[in-house]
Amino acid sequence: MSTIRQSTRDVNRETGRVIGEHLLPSALTAFGVGVGVGFLGAILLHDRSRQQEAAMTKRVLDAVSNALRNSVAKPGS
């Protein structure tokens, strides 16, 4: 277990060193990844809301169509 902890500490130190030596590229990379993830999330949410909106529109149009069909139907048919 201590070798895993030591390896984790070594990786953490090395990562901190590399980021410290390349601060601007690291910050820009983190920013770019955040923008990309946000953009993908927005697309996914937008697509989901479009699908829900289309389904709701279809239900409303079907209900209106049925109501109109029933209101103009001949009595007794």
Protein backbone atom coordinates (compact mmCIF):
# COMPACT_ATOMS: atom_id res chain seq x y z
CA MET A 1 0.00 0.00 0.00
CA SER A 2 2.85 2.40 0.72
CA THR A 3 4.24 1.96 -2.80
CA ILE A 4 0.92 3.11 -4.22
CA ARG A 5 0.95 6.15 -1.95
CA GLN A 6 4.55 6.92 -2.86
CA SER A 7 3.79 6.55 -6.57
CA THR A 8 0.79 8.84 -6.19
CA ARG A 9 2.92 11.45 -4.42
CA ASP A 10 5.60 11.20 -7.10
CA VAL A 11 3.06 11.68 -9.88
CA ASN A 12 1.53 14.61 -7.99
CA ARG A 13 4.92 16.30 -7.57
CA GLU A 14 5.86 15.74 -11.21
CA THR A 15 2.52 17.07 -12.41
CA GLY A 16 2.91 20.17 -10.25
CA ARG A 17 6.43 20.70 -11.57
CA VAL A 18 5.38 20.38 -15.22
CA ILE A 19 2.42 22.70 -14.74
CA GLY A 20 4.63 25.20 -12.88
CA GLU A 21 7.15 25.21 -15.70
CA HIS A 22 4.46 25.61 -18.38
CA LEU A 23 1.92 27.78 -16.61
CA LEU A 24 0.33 29.59 -19.55
CA PRO A 25 -0.13 26.53 -21.78
CA SER A 26 -1.51 24.61 -18.79
CA ALA A 27 -4.00 27.37 -18.00
CA LEU A 28 -5.05 27.70 -21.64
CA THR A 29 -5.47 23.93 -21.94
CA ALA A 30 -7.64 23.83 -18.82
CA PHE A 31 -9.69 26.74 -20.14
CA GLY A 32 -10.11 25.07 -23.54
CA VAL A 33 -11.19 21.78 -21.99
CA GLY A 34 -13.72 23.63 -19.82
CA VAL A 35 -15.14 25.50 -22.80
CA GLY A 36 -15.33 22.28 -24.81
CA VAL A 37 -17.11 20.38 -22.06
CA GLY A 38 -19.51 23.28 -21.54
CA PHE A 39 -20.22 23.47 -25.25
CA LEU A 40 -20.94 19.74 -25.46
CA GLY A 41 -23.19 19.95 -22.41
CA ALA A 42 -25.12 22.84 -23.94
CA ILE A 43 -25.58 20.91 -27.20
CA LEU A 44 -26.82 17.83 -25.35
CA LEU A 45 -29.27 19.85 -23.24
CA HIS A 46 -30.47 21.78 -26.28
CA ASP A 47 -31.09 18.57 -28.25
CA ARG A 48 -33.00 17.07 -25.34
CA SER A 49 -35.18 20.16 -24.97
CA ARG A 50 -35.83 20.20 -28.73
CA GLN A 51 -36.98 16.59 -28.60
CA GLN A 52 -39.24 17.32 -25.63
CA GLU A 53 -40.58 20.42 -27.38
CA ALA A 54 -41.32 18.43 -30.55
CA ALA A 55 -43.10 15.73 -28.57
CA MET A 56 -45.19 18.32 -26.71
CA THR A 57 -46.05 20.10 -29.96
CA LYS A 58 -47.16 16.81 -31.51
CA ARG A 59 -49.39 16.06 -28.52
CA VAL A 60 -50.98 19.51 -28.64
CA LEU A 61 -51.59 19.32 -32.38
CA ASP A 62 -53.07 15.83 -32.02
CA ALA A 63 -55.38 17.04 -29.25
CA VAL A 64 -56.51 20.07 -31.29
CA SER A 65 -57.03 17.87 -34.35
CA ASN A 66 -59.14 15.42 -32.37
CA ALA A 67 -61.15 18.22 -30.79
CA LEU A 68 -61.86 19.80 -34.18
CA ARG A 69 -62.73 16.45 -35.73
CA ASN A 70 -65.17 15.73 -32.89
CA SER A 71 -66.74 19.21 -33.00
CA VAL A 72 -67.50 19.10 -36.73
CA ALA A 73 -68.57 15.45 -36.83
CA LYS A 74 -72.13 14.85 -37.84
CA PRO A 75 -74.45 13.96 -35.01
CA GLY A 76 -75.24 10.29 -34.91
CA SER A 77 -72.13 9.14 -36.76
